[in-house]
Amino acid sequence: MLIPIVSLAVLVGGFFGGYRAHKRGGEILDILQYGFGHAVAFGLVALLGMLILDLFL
Protein backbone atom coordinates (compact mmCIF):
# COMPACT_ATOMS: atom_id res chain seq x y z
CA MET A 1 0.00 0.00 0.00
CA LEU A 2 2.93 2.32 0.66
CA ILE A 3 4.53 2.21 -2.78
CA PRO A 4 1.44 3.18 -4.86
CA ILE A 5 0.64 6.17 -2.65
CA VAL A 6 4.21 7.49 -2.65
CA SER A 7 4.49 6.89 -6.40
CA LEU A 8 1.28 8.81 -7.00
CA ALA A 9 2.53 11.66 -4.82
CA VAL A 10 5.79 11.79 -6.80
CA LEU A 11 3.90 11.91 -10.11
CA VAL A 12 1.52 14.61 -8.90
CA GLY A 13 4.39 16.63 -7.44
CA GLY A 14 6.38 16.38 -10.65
CA PHE A 15 3.42 17.45 -12.74
CA PHE A 16 2.59 20.34 -10.39
CA GLY A 17 6.15 21.63 -10.32
CA GLY A 18 6.56 21.35 -14.07
CA TYR A 19 3.27 23.11 -14.67
CA ARG A 20 4.23 25.97 -12.33
CA ALA A 21 7.55 26.47 -14.09
CA HIS A 22 5.86 26.32 -17.50
CA LYS A 23 3.31 28.96 -16.47
CA ARG A 24 6.16 31.24 -15.38
CA GLY A 25 7.65 30.96 -18.85
CA GLY A 26 10.54 28.77 -17.81
CA GLU A 27 12.72 26.88 -20.23
CA ILE A 28 12.96 23.09 -20.31
CA LEU A 29 15.68 22.93 -17.64
CA ASP A 30 13.62 25.12 -15.31
CA ILE A 31 10.61 22.88 -15.85
CA LEU A 32 12.66 19.77 -15.10
CA GLN A 33 14.24 21.34 -12.03
CA TYR A 34 10.92 22.52 -10.56
CA GLY A 35 9.29 19.20 -11.42
CA PHE A 36 12.05 17.21 -9.75
CA GLY A 37 12.05 19.42 -6.67
CA HIS A 38 8.30 19.18 -6.22
CA ALA A 39 8.34 15.43 -6.88
CA VAL A 40 10.93 14.88 -4.16
CA ALA A 41 9.05 17.10 -1.70
CA PHE A 42 5.67 15.47 -2.36
CA GLY A 43 7.21 12.00 -2.17
CA LEU A 44 8.93 12.68 1.14
CA VAL A 45 5.76 14.15 2.65
CA ALA A 46 3.74 11.14 1.49
CA LEU A 47 6.35 8.71 2.80
CA LEU A 48 6.52 10.46 6.16
CA GLY A 49 2.73 10.59 6.39
CA MET A 50 2.39 6.90 5.58
CA LEU A 51 5.04 5.97 8.16
CA ILE A 52 3.34 8.05 10.85
CA LEU A 53 -0.04 6.51 10.02
CA ASP A 54 1.49 3.05 10.07
CA LEU A 55 3.01 3.63 13.50
CA PHE A 56 -0.09 5.05 15.15
CA LEU A 57 -2.88 3.05 13.49
C-alpha atoms as a PDB file:
ATOM      1  CA  MET A   1       0.000   0.000   0.000  1.00  0.00           C
ATOM      2  CA  LEU A   2       2.930   2.318   0.663  1.00  0.00           C
ATOM      3  CA  ILE A   3       4.525   2.212  -2.780  1.00  0.00           C
ATOM      4  CA  PRO A   4       1.438   3.184  -4.864  1.00  0.00           C
ATOM      5  CA  ILE A   5       0.641   6.168  -2.645  1.00  0.00           C
ATOM      6  CA  VAL A   6       4.210   7.492  -2.649  1.00  0.00           C
ATOM      7  CA  SER A   7       4.494   6.885  -6.403  1.00  0.00           C
ATOM      8  CA  LEU A   8       1.280   8.806  -6.997  1.00  0.00           C
ATOM      9  CA  ALA A   9       2.526  11.656  -4.820  1.00  0.00           C
ATOM     10  CA  VAL A  10       5.786  11.793  -6.800  1.00  0.00           C
ATOM     11  CA  LEU A  11       3.904  11.910 -10.105  1.00  0.00           C
ATOM     12  CA  VAL A  12       1.519  14.612  -8.902  1.00  0.00           C
ATOM     13  CA  GLY A  13       4.387  16.634  -7.443  1.00  0.00           C
ATOM     14  CA  GLY A  14       6.383  16.378 -10.653  1.00  0.00           C
ATOM     15  CA  PHE A  15       3.415  17.451 -12.737  1.00  0.00           C
ATOM     16  CA  PHE A  16       2.588  20.335 -10.391  1.00  0.00           C
ATOM     17  CA  GLY A  17       6.152  21.631 -10.319  1.00  0.00           C
ATOM     18  CA  GLY A  18       6.565  21.346 -14.072  1.00  0.00           C
ATOM     19  CA  TYR A  19       3.266  23.108 -14.670  1.00  0.00           C
ATOM     20  CA  ARG A  20       4.226  25.967 -12.329  1.00  0.00           C
ATOM     21  CA  ALA A  21       7.545  26.468 -14.095  1.00  0.00           C
ATOM     22  CA  HIS A  22       5.858  26.317 -17.497  1.00  0.00           C
ATOM     23  CA  LYS A  23       3.307  28.962 -16.470  1.00  0.00           C
ATOM     24  CA  ARG A  24       6.158  31.238 -15.380  1.00  0.00           C
ATOM     25  CA  GLY A  25       7.649  30.963 -18.853  1.00  0.00           C
ATOM     26  CA  GLY A  26      10.541  28.767 -17.807  1.00  0.00           C
ATOM     27  CA  GLU A  27      12.720  26.882 -20.232  1.00  0.00           C
ATOM     28  CA  ILE A  28      12.956  23.087 -20.313  1.00  0.00           C
ATOM     29  CA  LEU A  29      15.683  22.933 -17.640  1.00  0.00           C
ATOM     30  CA  ASP A  30      13.623  25.116 -15.308  1.00  0.00           C
ATOM     31  CA  ILE A  31      10.615  22.883 -15.851  1.00  0.00           C
ATOM     32  CA  LEU A  32      12.661  19.766 -15.103  1.00  0.00           C
ATOM     33  CA  GLN A  33      14.238  21.340 -12.026  1.00  0.00           C
ATOM     34  CA  TYR A  34      10.925  22.521 -10.561  1.00  0.00           C
ATOM     35  CA  GLY A  35       9.285  19.204 -11.423  1.00  0.00           C
ATOM     36  CA  PHE A  36      12.051  17.212  -9.749  1.00  0.00           C
ATOM     37  CA  GLY A  37      12.045  19.422  -6.665  1.00  0.00           C
ATOM     38  CA  HIS A  38       8.301  19.178  -6.216  1.00  0.00           C
ATOM     39  CA  ALA A  39       8.335  15.433  -6.883  1.00  0.00           C
ATOM     40  CA  VAL A  40      10.926  14.882  -4.155  1.00  0.00           C
ATOM     41  CA  ALA A  41       9.052  17.102  -1.704  1.00  0.00           C
ATOM     42  CA  PHE A  42       5.670  15.474  -2.356  1.00  0.00           C
ATOM     43  CA  GLY A  43       7.212  11.996  -2.174  1.00  0.00           C
ATOM     44  CA  LEU A  44       8.926  12.682   1.143  1.00  0.00           C
ATOM     45  CA  VAL A  45       5.762  14.150   2.650  1.00  0.00           C
ATOM     46  CA  ALA A  46       3.739  11.141   1.488  1.00  0.00           C
ATOM     47  CA  LEU A  47       6.351   8.714   2.800  1.00  0.00           C
ATOM     48  CA  LEU A  48       6.518  10.461   6.159  1.00  0.00           C
ATOM     49  CA  GLY A  49       2.731  10.593   6.393  1.00  0.00           C
ATOM     50  CA  MET A  50       2.393   6.903   5.583  1.00  0.00           C
ATOM     51  CA  LEU A  51       5.042   5.967   8.159  1.00  0.00           C
ATOM     52  CA  ILE A  52       3.338   8.051  10.845  1.00  0.00           C
ATOM     53  CA  LEU A  53      -0.041   6.513  10.016  1.00  0.00           C
ATOM     54  CA  ASP A  54       1.493   3.051  10.071  1.00  0.00           C
ATOM     55  CA  LEU A  55       3.010   3.629  13.501  1.00  0.00           C
ATOM     56  CA  PHE A  56      -0.094   5.046  15.151  1.00  0.00           C
ATOM     57  CA  LEU A  57      -2.878   3.048  13.491  1.00  0.00           C
END
